[in-house]
Amino acid sequence: MDPILTGYGNLATAVAAVKEGAIDYLAKPVDPEDLVAALLSPPGERPEPPSEPMSADRVRWEHIQRVYELCDRNVSETARRLKMHRRTLQRILAKRSPR
């Protein structure tokens, strides 16, 4: 499978893409050099790991945001699915995303 370019990059969609056979996963905005390298890489060659991977806090934030969007931004339903207290989730959602 070819590289995947997405406008909403997160851990869940990256895992799904790799399970379907994607060899590279790029989230917008993408660096032009990374895009060219992904498109011109020989078949079967694996991309280099990112020089600055997401922090664990950022991965957690992305997962919470994804579930929140899947629940149509319903805090109570999202909290139930994530098995956390609704007020805890509200505090997390009120904060800015970690880097």
PDB file of N, CA and C in Angstrom:
ATOM      1  N   MET A   1       0.848  -1.182   0.000  1.00  0.00           N
ATOM      2  CA  MET A   1       0.000   0.000   0.000  1.00  0.00           C
ATOM      3  C   MET A   1       0.893   1.245   0.000  1.00  0.00           C
ATOM      4  N   ASP A   2       0.378   2.312  -0.521  1.00  0.00           N
ATOM      5  CA  ASP A   2       1.103   3.576  -0.595  1.00  0.00           C
ATOM      6  C   ASP A   2       1.078   4.309   0.741  1.00  0.00           C
ATOM      7  N   PRO A   3       1.821   5.415   0.821  1.00  0.00           N
ATOM      8  CA  PRO A   3       1.748   6.249   2.024  1.00  0.00           C
ATOM      9  C   PRO A   3       0.348   6.841   2.183  1.00  0.00           C
ATOM     10  N   ILE A   4      -0.029   7.120   3.415  1.00  0.00           N
ATOM     11  CA  ILE A   4      -1.326   7.724   3.726  1.00  0.00           C
ATOM     12  C   ILE A   4      -1.089   9.166   4.162  1.00  0.00           C
ATOM     13  N   LEU A   5      -1.866  10.104   3.601  1.00  0.00           N
ATOM     14  CA  LEU A   5      -1.825  11.511   3.997  1.00  0.00           C
ATOM     15  C   LEU A   5      -3.194  11.865   4.549  1.00  0.00           C
ATOM     16  N   THR A   6      -3.239  12.354   5.764  1.00  0.00           N
ATOM     17  CA  THR A   6      -4.511  12.641   6.404  1.00  0.00           C
ATOM     18  C   THR A   6      -4.547  14.055   6.966  1.00  0.00           C
ATOM     19  N   GLY A   7      -5.730  14.610   7.035  1.00  0.00           N
ATOM     20  CA  GLY A   7      -5.914  15.938   7.615  1.00  0.00           C
ATOM     21  C   GLY A   7      -6.145  15.875   9.109  1.00  0.00           C
ATOM     22  N   TYR A   8      -6.409  14.672   9.621  1.00  0.00           N
ATOM     23  CA  TYR A   8      -6.670  14.513  11.048  1.00  0.00           C
ATOM     24  C   TYR A   8      -5.826  13.355  11.548  1.00  0.00           C
ATOM     25  N   GLY A   9      -4.566  13.629  11.819  1.00  0.00           N
ATOM     26  CA  GLY A   9      -3.663  12.580  12.244  1.00  0.00           C
ATOM     27  C   GLY A   9      -3.776  12.300  13.726  1.00  0.00           C
ATOM     28  N   ASN A  10      -3.975  11.042  14.059  1.00  0.00           N
ATOM     29  CA  ASN A  10      -3.952  10.640  15.455  1.00  0.00           C
ATOM     30  C   ASN A  10      -3.557   9.175  15.534  1.00  0.00           C
ATOM     31  N   LEU A  11      -3.383   8.698  16.733  1.00  0.00           N
ATOM     32  CA  LEU A  11      -2.893   7.348  16.943  1.00  0.00           C
ATOM     33  C   LEU A  11      -3.850   6.300  16.389  1.00  0.00           C
ATOM     34  N   ALA A  12      -5.138   6.472  16.612  1.00  0.00           N
ATOM     35  CA  ALA A  12      -6.110   5.463  16.166  1.00  0.00           C
ATOM     36  C   ALA A  12      -6.103   5.297  14.651  1.00  0.00           C
ATOM     37  N   THR A  13      -6.095   6.402  13.914  1.00  0.00           N
ATOM     38  CA  THR A  13      -6.105   6.293  12.460  1.00  0.00           C
ATOM     39  C   THR A  13      -4.763   5.790  11.932  1.00  0.00           C
ATOM     40  N   ALA A  14      -3.684   6.126  12.608  1.00  0.00           N
ATOM     41  CA  ALA A  14      -2.371   5.625  12.199  1.00  0.00           C
ATOM     42  C   ALA A  14      -2.307   4.107  12.359  1.00  0.00           C
ATOM     43  N   VAL A  15      -2.781   3.605  13.476  1.00  0.00           N
ATOM     44  CA  VAL A  15      -2.777   2.157  13.708  1.00  0.00           C
ATOM     45  C   VAL A  15      -3.650   1.461  12.673  1.00  0.00           C
ATOM     46  N   ALA A  16      -4.829   2.010  12.409  1.00  0.00           N
ATOM     47  CA  ALA A  16      -5.731   1.411  11.419  1.00  0.00           C
ATOM     48  C   ALA A  16      -5.083   1.384  10.037  1.00  0.00           C
ATOM     49  N   ALA A  17      -4.405   2.463   9.667  1.00  0.00           N
ATOM     50  CA  ALA A  17      -3.757   2.526   8.355  1.00  0.00           C
ATOM     51  C   ALA A  17      -2.642   1.489   8.238  1.00  0.00           C
ATOM     52  N   VAL A  18      -1.851   1.355   9.295  1.00  0.00           N
ATOM     53  CA  VAL A  18      -0.755   0.383   9.269  1.00  0.00           C
ATOM     54  C   VAL A  18      -1.308  -1.039   9.214  1.00  0.00           C
ATOM     55  N   LYS A  19      -2.381  -1.307   9.953  1.00  0.00           N
ATOM     56  CA  LYS A  19      -3.002  -2.635   9.910  1.00  0.00           C
ATOM     57  C   LYS A  19      -3.519  -2.968   8.516  1.00  0.00           C
ATOM     58  N   GLU A  20      -3.939  -1.942   7.771  1.00  0.00           N
ATOM     59  CA  GLU A  20      -4.421  -2.147   6.408  1.00  0.00           C
ATOM     60  C   GLU A  20      -3.279  -2.238   5.398  1.00  0.00           C
ATOM     61  N   GLY A  21      -2.044  -2.011   5.867  1.00  0.00           N
ATOM     62  CA  GLY A  21      -0.892  -2.180   5.000  1.00  0.00           C
ATOM     63  C   GLY A  21      -0.166  -0.920   4.600  1.00  0.00           C
ATOM     64  N   ALA A  22      -0.504   0.224   5.191  1.00  0.00           N
ATOM     65  CA  ALA A  22       0.201   1.466   4.854  1.00  0.00           C
ATOM     66  C   ALA A  22       1.663   1.353   5.263  1.00  0.00           C
ATOM     67  N   ILE A  23       2.543   1.842   4.420  1.00  0.00           N
ATOM     68  CA  ILE A  23       3.967   1.808   4.755  1.00  0.00           C
ATOM     69  C   ILE A  23       4.436   3.114   5.373  1.00  0.00           C
ATOM     70  N   ASP A  24       3.638   4.167   5.239  1.00  0.00           N
ATOM     71  CA  ASP A  24       3.973   5.463   5.827  1.00  0.00           C
ATOM     72  C   ASP A  24       2.678   6.205   6.106  1.00  0.00           C
ATOM     73  N   TYR A  25       2.697   7.047   7.113  1.00  0.00           N
ATOM     74  CA  TYR A  25       1.493   7.765   7.550  1.00  0.00           C
ATOM     75  C   TYR A  25       1.903   9.199   7.827  1.00  0.00           C
ATOM     76  N   LEU A  26       1.373  10.134   7.055  1.00  0.00           N
ATOM     77  CA  LEU A  26       1.725  11.541   7.193  1.00  0.00           C
ATOM     78  C   LEU A  26       0.493  12.353   7.535  1.00  0.00           C
ATOM     79  N   ALA A  27       0.607  13.223   8.535  1.00  0.00           N
ATOM     80  CA  ALA A  27      -0.509  14.084   8.931  1.00  0.00           C
ATOM     81  C   ALA A  27      -0.239  15.500   8.443  1.00  0.00           C
ATOM     82  N   LYS A  28      -1.294  16.168   7.971  1.00  0.00           N
ATOM     83  CA  LYS A  28      -1.167  17.562   7.545  1.00  0.00           C
ATOM     84  C   LYS A  28      -1.007  18.451   8.759  1.00  0.00           C
ATOM     85  N   PRO A  29      -0.296  19.522   8.708  1.00  0.00           N
ATOM     86  CA  PRO A  29       0.538  19.940   7.580  1.00  0.00           C
ATOM     87  C   PRO A  29       1.798  19.092   7.523  1.00  0.00           C
ATOM     88  N   VAL A  30       2.125  18.635   6.344  1.00  0.00           N
ATOM     89  CA  VAL A  30       3.276  17.760   6.166  1.00  0.00           C
ATOM     90  C   VAL A  30       4.427  18.560   5.565  1.00  0.00           C
ATOM     91  N   ASP A  31       5.606  18.229   5.994  1.00  0.00           N
ATOM     92  CA  ASP A  31       6.812  18.845   5.456  1.00  0.00           C
ATOM     93  C   ASP A  31       6.984  18.348   4.015  1.00  0.00           C
ATOM     94  N   PRO A  32       7.174  19.242   3.044  1.00  0.00           N
ATOM     95  CA  PRO A  32       7.288  18.805   1.640  1.00  0.00           C
ATOM     96  C   PRO A  32       8.372  17.750   1.409  1.00  0.00           C
ATOM     97  N   GLU A  33       9.487  17.858   2.113  1.00  0.00           N
ATOM     98  CA  GLU A  33      10.555  16.872   1.940  1.00  0.00           C
ATOM     99  C   GLU A  33      10.108  15.487   2.399  1.00  0.00           C
ATOM    100  N   ASP A  34       9.320  15.437   3.489  1.00  0.00           N
ATOM    101  CA  ASP A  34       8.811  14.155   3.978  1.00  0.00           C
ATOM    102  C   ASP A  34       7.830  13.543   2.976  1.00  0.00           C
ATOM    103  N   LEU A  35       7.008  14.375   2.374  1.00  0.00           N
ATOM    104  CA  LEU A  35       6.046  13.889   1.387  1.00  0.00           C
ATOM    105  C   LEU A  35       6.756  13.320   0.163  1.00  0.00           C
ATOM    106  N   VAL A  36       7.734  14.047  -0.343  1.00  0.00           N
ATOM    107  CA  VAL A  36       8.493  13.582  -1.513  1.00  0.00           C
ATOM    108  C   VAL A  36       9.226  12.287  -1.175  1.00  0.00           C
ATOM    109  N   ALA A  37       9.837  12.227   0.001  1.00  0.00           N
ATOM    110  CA  ALA A  37      10.562  11.019   0.407  1.00  0.00           C
ATOM    111  C   ALA A  37       9.620   9.821   0.507  1.00  0.00           C
ATOM    112  N   ALA A  38       8.414  10.029   1.031  1.00  0.00           N
ATOM    113  CA  ALA A  38       7.449   8.936   1.158  1.00  0.00           C
ATOM    114  C   ALA A  38       6.992   8.449  -0.219  1.00  0.00           C
ATOM    115  N   LEU A  39       6.773   9.376  -1.140  1.00  0.00           N
ATOM    116  CA  LEU A  39       6.289   8.992  -2.469  1.00  0.00           C
ATOM    117  C   LEU A  39       7.361   8.352  -3.340  1.00  0.00           C
ATOM    118  N   LEU A  40       8.611   8.752  -3.138  1.00  0.00           N
ATOM    119  CA  LEU A  40       9.687   8.242  -3.994  1.00  0.00           C
ATOM    120  C   LEU A  40      10.481   7.091  -3.378  1.00  0.00           C
ATOM    121  N   SER A  41      10.121   6.659  -2.187  1.00  0.00           N
ATOM    122  CA  SER A  41      10.866   5.570  -1.551  1.00  0.00           C
ATOM    123  C   SER A  41      10.608   4.257  -2.290  1.00  0.00           C
ATOM    124  N   PRO A  42      11.629   3.422  -2.374  1.00  0.00           N
ATOM    125  CA  PRO A  42      11.468   2.134  -3.064  1.00  0.00           C
ATOM    126  C   PRO A  42      10.417   1.264  -2.361  1.00  0.00           C
ATOM    127  N   PRO A  43       9.699   0.447  -3.118  1.00  0.00           N
ATOM    128  CA  PRO A  43       8.685  -0.429  -2.511  1.00  0.00           C
ATOM    129  C   PRO A  43       9.303  -1.320  -1.430  1.00  0.00           C
ATOM    130  N   GLY A  44       8.601  -1.435  -0.328  1.00  0.00           N
ATOM    131  CA  GLY A  44       9.065  -2.291   0.769  1.00  0.00           C
ATOM    132  C   GLY A  44      10.011  -1.617   1.743  1.00  0.00           C
ATOM    133  N   GLU A  45      10.513  -0.447   1.392  1.00  0.00           N
ATOM    134  CA  GLU A  45      11.430   0.251   2.301  1.00  0.00           C
ATOM    135  C   GLU A  45      10.628   0.951   3.388  1.00  0.00           C
ATOM    136  N   ARG A  46      11.054   0.754   4.622  1.00  0.00           N
ATOM    137  CA  ARG A  46      10.341   1.343   5.749  1.00  0.00           C
ATOM    138  C   ARG A  46      10.875   2.747   6.019  1.00  0.00           C
ATOM    139  N   PRO A  47       9.983   3.680   6.355  1.00  0.00           N
ATOM    140  CA  PRO A  47      10.421   5.052   6.631  1.00  0.00           C
ATOM    141  C   PRO A  47      11.179   5.134   7.952  1.00  0.00           C
ATOM    142  N   GLU A  48      11.992   6.175   8.069  1.00  0.00           N
ATOM    143  CA  GLU A  48      12.712   6.400   9.320  1.00  0.00           C
ATOM    144  C   GLU A  48      11.721   6.834  10.395  1.00  0.00           C
ATOM    145  N   PRO A  49      11.995   6.483  11.654  1.00  0.00           N
ATOM    146  CA  PRO A  49      11.097   6.938  12.711  1.00  0.00           C
ATOM    147  C   PRO A  49      11.166   8.454  12.845  1.00  0.00           C
ATOM    148  N   PRO A  50      10.110   9.080  13.356  1.00  0.00           N
ATOM    149  CA  PRO A  50      10.115  10.539  13.479  1.00  0.00           C
ATOM    150  C   PRO A  50      11.218  11.012  14.422  1.00  0.00           C
ATOM    151  N   SER A  51      11.800  12.159  14.095  1.00  0.00           N
ATOM    152  CA  SER A  51      12.872  12.690  14.937  1.00  0.00           C
ATOM    153  C   SER A  51      12.318  13.212  16.257  1.00  0.00           C
ATOM    154  N   GLU A  52      11.064  13.661  16.248  1.00  0.00           N
ATOM    155  CA  GLU A  52      10.416  14.142  17.472  1.00  0.00           C
ATOM    156  C   GLU A  52       9.035  13.496  17.596  1.00  0.00           C
ATOM    157  N   PRO A  53       8.976  12.256  18.135  1.00  0.00           N
ATOM    158  CA  PRO A  53       7.671  11.606  18.257  1.00  0.00           C
ATOM    159  C   PRO A  53       6.792  12.305  19.285  1.00  0.00           C
ATOM    160  N   MET A  54       5.478  12.035  19.214  1.00  0.00           N
ATOM    161  CA  MET A  54       4.545  12.641  20.162  1.00  0.00           C
ATOM    162  C   MET A  54       4.843  12.159  21.579  1.00  0.00           C
ATOM    163  N   SER A  55       4.656  13.049  22.524  1.00  0.00           N
ATOM    164  CA  SER A  55       4.823  12.677  23.921  1.00  0.00           C
ATOM    165  C   SER A  55       3.652  11.794  24.345  1.00  0.00           C
ATOM    166  N   ALA A  56       3.811  11.093  25.466  1.00  0.00           N
ATOM    167  CA  ALA A  56       2.730  10.256  25.977  1.00  0.00           C
ATOM    168  C   ALA A  56       1.497  11.105  26.298  1.00  0.00           C
ATOM    169  N   ASP A  57       1.711  12.306  26.813  1.00  0.00           N
ATOM    170  CA  ASP A  57       0.588  13.201  27.107  1.00  0.00           C
ATOM    171  C   ASP A  57      -0.148  13.581  25.828  1.00  0.00           C
ATOM    172  N   ARG A  58       0.598  13.816  24.764  1.00  0.00           N
ATOM    173  CA  ARG A  58      -0.015  14.181  23.485  1.00  0.00           C
ATOM    174  C   ARG A  58      -0.807  13.012  22.909  1.00  0.00           C
ATOM    175  N   VAL A  59      -0.281  11.791  23.025  1.00  0.00           N
ATOM    176  CA  VAL A  59      -0.981  10.605  22.539  1.00  0.00           C
ATOM    177  C   VAL A  59      -2.296  10.433  23.300  1.00  0.00           C
ATOM    178  N   ARG A  60      -2.244  10.624  24.622  1.00  0.00           N
ATOM    179  CA  ARG A  60      -3.455  10.531  25.452  1.00  0.00           C
ATOM    180  C   ARG A  60      -4.478  11.582  25.012  1.00  0.00           C
ATOM    181  N   TRP A  61      -4.007  12.808  24.810  1.00  0.00           N
ATOM    182  CA  TRP A  61      -4.879  13.900  24.374  1.00  0.00           C
ATOM    183  C   TRP A  61      -5.549  13.571  23.037  1.00  0.00           C
ATOM    184  N   GLU A  62      -4.769  13.062  22.084  1.00  0.00           N
ATOM    185  CA  GLU A  62      -5.294  12.724  20.767  1.00  0.00           C
ATOM    186  C   GLU A  62      -6.363  11.630  20.870  1.00  0.00           C
ATOM    187  N   HIS A  63      -6.115  10.641  21.723  1.00  0.00           N
ATOM    188  CA  HIS A  63      -7.083   9.559  21.895  1.00  0.00           C
ATOM    189  C   HIS A  63      -8.388  10.095  22.491  1.00  0.00           C
ATOM    190  N   ILE A  64      -8.289  10.919  23.508  1.00  0.00           N
ATOM    191  CA  ILE A  64      -9.481  11.501  24.132  1.00  0.00           C
ATOM    192  C   ILE A  64     -10.249  12.335  23.112  1.00  0.00           C
ATOM    193  N   GLN A  65      -9.555  13.150  22.330  1.00  0.00           N
ATOM    194  CA  GLN A  65     -10.208  13.973  21.314  1.00  0.00           C
ATOM    195  C   GLN A  65     -10.915  13.116  20.267  1.00  0.00           C
ATOM    196  N   ARG A  66     -10.287  12.027  19.871  1.00  0.00           N
ATOM    197  CA  ARG A  66     -10.881  11.138  18.862  1.00  0.00           C
ATOM    198  C   ARG A  66     -12.181  10.530  19.386  1.00  0.00           C
ATOM    199  N   VAL A  67     -12.150  10.010  20.613  1.00  0.00           N
ATOM    200  CA  VAL A  67     -13.356   9.417  21.199  1.00  0.00           C
ATOM    201  C   VAL A  67     -14.429  10.480  21.380  1.00  0.00           C
ATOM    202  N   TYR A  68     -14.022  11.673  21.805  1.00  0.00           N
ATOM    203  CA  TYR A  68     -14.951  12.793  21.990  1.00  0.00           C
ATOM    204  C   TYR A  68     -15.664  13.123  20.669  1.00  0.00           C
ATOM    205  N   GLU A  69     -14.919  13.173  19.578  1.00  0.00           N
ATOM    206  CA  GLU A  69     -15.514  13.439  18.269  1.00  0.00           C
ATOM    207  C   GLU A  69     -16.423  12.287  17.829  1.00  0.00           C
ATOM    208  N   LEU A  70     -16.013  11.040  18.082  1.00  0.00           N
ATOM    209  CA  LEU A  70     -16.841   9.891  17.717  1.00  0.00           C
ATOM    210  C   LEU A  70     -18.150   9.866  18.494  1.00  0.00           C
ATOM    211  N   CYS A  71     -18.167  10.466  19.675  1.00  0.00           N
ATOM    212  CA  CYS A  71     -19.381  10.541  20.504  1.00  0.00           C
ATOM    213  C   CYS A  71     -20.150  11.832  20.234  1.00  0.00           C
ATOM    214  N   ASP A  72     -19.891  12.467  19.111  1.00  0.00           N
ATOM    215  CA  ASP A  72     -20.557  13.718  18.720  1.00  0.00           C
ATOM    216  C   ASP A  72     -20.409  14.799  19.787  1.00  0.00           C
ATOM    217  N   ARG A  73     -19.228  14.859  20.383  1.00  0.00           N
ATOM    218  CA  ARG A  73     -18.868  15.876  21.388  1.00  0.00           C
ATOM    219  C   ARG A  73     -19.785  15.825  22.620  1.00  0.00           C
ATOM    220  N   ASN A  74     -20.247  14.622  22.945  1.00  0.00           N
ATOM    221  CA  ASN A  74     -21.069  14.394  24.128  1.00  0.00           C
ATOM    222  C   ASN A  74     -20.137  13.992  25.271  1.00  0.00           C
ATOM    223  N   VAL A  75     -19.992  14.870  26.264  1.00  0.00           N
ATOM    224  CA  VAL A  75     -19.039  14.637  27.349  1.00  0.00           C
ATOM    225  C   VAL A  75     -19.417  13.408  28.164  1.00  0.00           C
ATOM    226  N   SER A  76     -20.675  13.254  28.492  1.00  0.00           N
ATOM    227  CA  SER A  76     -21.097  12.120  29.323  1.00  0.00           C
ATOM    228  C   SER A  76     -20.827  10.784  28.635  1.00  0.00           C
ATOM    229  N   GLU A  77     -21.181  10.687  27.359  1.00  0.00           N
ATOM    230  CA  GLU A  77     -20.940   9.444  26.617  1.00  0.00           C
ATOM    231  C   GLU A  77     -19.448   9.179  26.466  1.00  0.00           C
ATOM    232  N   THR A  78     -18.677  10.215  26.189  1.00  0.00           N
ATOM    233  CA  THR A  78     -17.225  10.063  26.059  1.00  0.00           C
ATOM    234  C   THR A  78     -16.628   9.574  27.372  1.00  0.00           C
ATOM    235  N   ALA A  79     -17.042  10.158  28.487  1.00  0.00           N
ATOM    236  CA  ALA A  79     -16.540   9.749  29.802  1.00  0.00           C
ATOM    237  C   ALA A  79     -16.869   8.283  30.075  1.00  0.00           C
ATOM    238  N   ARG A  80     -18.078   7.851  29.718  1.00  0.00           N
ATOM    239  CA  ARG A  80     -18.454   6.446  29.915  1.00  0.00           C
ATOM    240  C   ARG A  80     -17.553   5.521  29.093  1.00  0.00           C
ATOM    241  N   ARG A  81     -17.342   5.887  27.848  1.00  0.00           N
ATOM    242  CA  ARG A  81     -16.510   5.031  26.985  1.00  0.00           C
ATOM    243  C   ARG A  81     -15.059   4.997  27.434  1.00  0.00           C
ATOM    244  N   LEU A  82     -14.575   6.109  27.967  1.00  0.00           N
ATOM    245  CA  LEU A  82     -13.182   6.160  28.433  1.00  0.00           C
ATOM    246  C   LEU A  82     -13.039   5.677  29.872  1.00  0.00           C
ATOM    247  N   LYS A  83     -14.180   5.354  30.502  1.00  0.00           N
ATOM    248  CA  LYS A  83     -14.192   4.887  31.885  1.00  0.00           C
ATOM    249  C   LYS A  83     -13.516   5.884  32.822  1.00  0.00           C
ATOM    250  N   MET A  84     -13.938   7.146  32.703  1.00  0.00           N
ATOM    251  CA  MET A  84     -13.435   8.195  33.582  1.00  0.00           C
ATOM    252  C   MET A  84     -14.599   9.054  34.049  1.00  0.00           C
ATOM    253  N   HIS A  85     -14.374   9.779  35.111  1.00  0.00           N
ATOM    254  CA  HIS A  85     -15.414  10.650  35.640  1.00  0.00           C
ATOM    255  C   HIS A  85     -15.657  11.801  34.674  1.00  0.00           C
ATOM    256  N   ARG A  86     -16.921  12.172  34.530  1.00  0.00           N
ATOM    257  CA  ARG A  86     -17.298  13.235  33.591  1.00  0.00           C
ATOM    258  C   ARG A  86     -16.588  14.543  33.895  1.00  0.00           C
ATOM    259  N   ARG A  87     -16.492  14.907  35.161  1.00  0.00           N
ATOM    260  CA  ARG A  87     -15.831  16.175  35.511  1.00  0.00           C
ATOM    261  C   ARG A  87     -14.337  16.140  35.213  1.00  0.00           C
ATOM    262  N   THR A  88     -13.732  14.981  35.396  1.00  0.00           N
ATOM    263  CA  THR A  88     -12.309  14.845  35.048  1.00  0.00           C
ATOM    264  C   THR A  88     -12.129  15.084  33.552  1.00  0.00           C
ATOM    265  N   LEU A  89     -13.008  14.484  32.761  1.00  0.00           N
ATOM    266  CA  LEU A  89     -12.940  14.680  31.313  1.00  0.00           C
ATOM    267  C   LEU A  89     -13.159  16.146  30.949  1.00  0.00           C
ATOM    268  N   GLN A  90     -14.107  16.803  31.600  1.00  0.00           N
ATOM    269  CA  GLN A  90     -14.358  18.221  31.313  1.00  0.00           C
ATOM    270  C   GLN A  90     -13.116  19.060  31.602  1.00  0.00           C
ATOM    271  N   ARG A  91     -12.406  18.753  32.685  1.00  0.00           N
ATOM    272  CA  ARG A  91     -11.177  19.500  32.998  1.00  0.00           C
ATOM    273  C   ARG A  91     -10.110  19.260  31.936  1.00  0.00           C
ATOM    274  N   ILE A  92      -9.999  18.020  31.483  1.00  0.00           N
ATOM    275  CA  ILE A  92      -9.014  17.699  30.450  1.00  0.00           C
ATOM    276  C   ILE A  92      -9.345  18.441  29.149  1.00  0.00           C
ATOM    277  N   LEU A  93     -10.615  18.436  28.769  1.00  0.00           N
ATOM    278  CA  LEU A  93     -11.029  19.084  27.529  1.00  0.00           C
ATOM    279  C   LEU A  93     -10.887  20.605  27.591  1.00  0.00           C
ATOM    280  N   ALA A  94     -10.940  21.175  28.789  1.00  0.00           N
ATOM    281  CA  ALA A  94     -10.828  22.628  28.932  1.00  0.00           C
ATOM    282  C   ALA A  94      -9.382  23.107  28.784  1.00  0.00           C
ATOM    283  N   LYS A  95      -8.430  22.211  28.955  1.00  0.00           N
ATOM    284  CA  LYS A  95      -7.020  22.570  28.846  1.00  0.00           C
ATOM    285  C   LYS A  95      -6.581  22.579  27.398  1.00  0.00           C
ATOM    286  N   ARG A  96      -5.478  23.243  27.140  1.00  0.00           N
ATOM    287  CA  ARG A  96      -4.872  23.211  25.806  1.00  0.00           C
ATOM    288  C   ARG A  96      -4.191  21.885  25.582  1.00  0.00           C
ATOM    289  N   SER A  97      -4.029  21.525  24.328  1.00  0.00           N
ATOM    290  CA  SER A  97      -3.385  20.251  24.008  1.00  0.00           C
ATOM    291  C   SER A  97      -1.907  20.300  24.385  1.00  0.00           C
ATOM    292  N   PRO A  98      -1.373  19.198  24.908  1.00  0.00           N
ATOM    293  CA  PRO A  98       0.055  19.157  25.232  1.00  0.00           C
ATOM    294  C   PRO A  98       0.883  19.065  23.952  1.00  0.00           C
ATOM    295  N   ARG A  99       2.133  19.403  24.052  1.00  0.00           N
ATOM    296  CA  ARG A  99       3.024  19.339  22.880  1.00  0.00           C
ATOM    297  C   ARG A  99       3.765  18.043  22.824  1.00  0.00           C
TER     298      ARG A  99
END
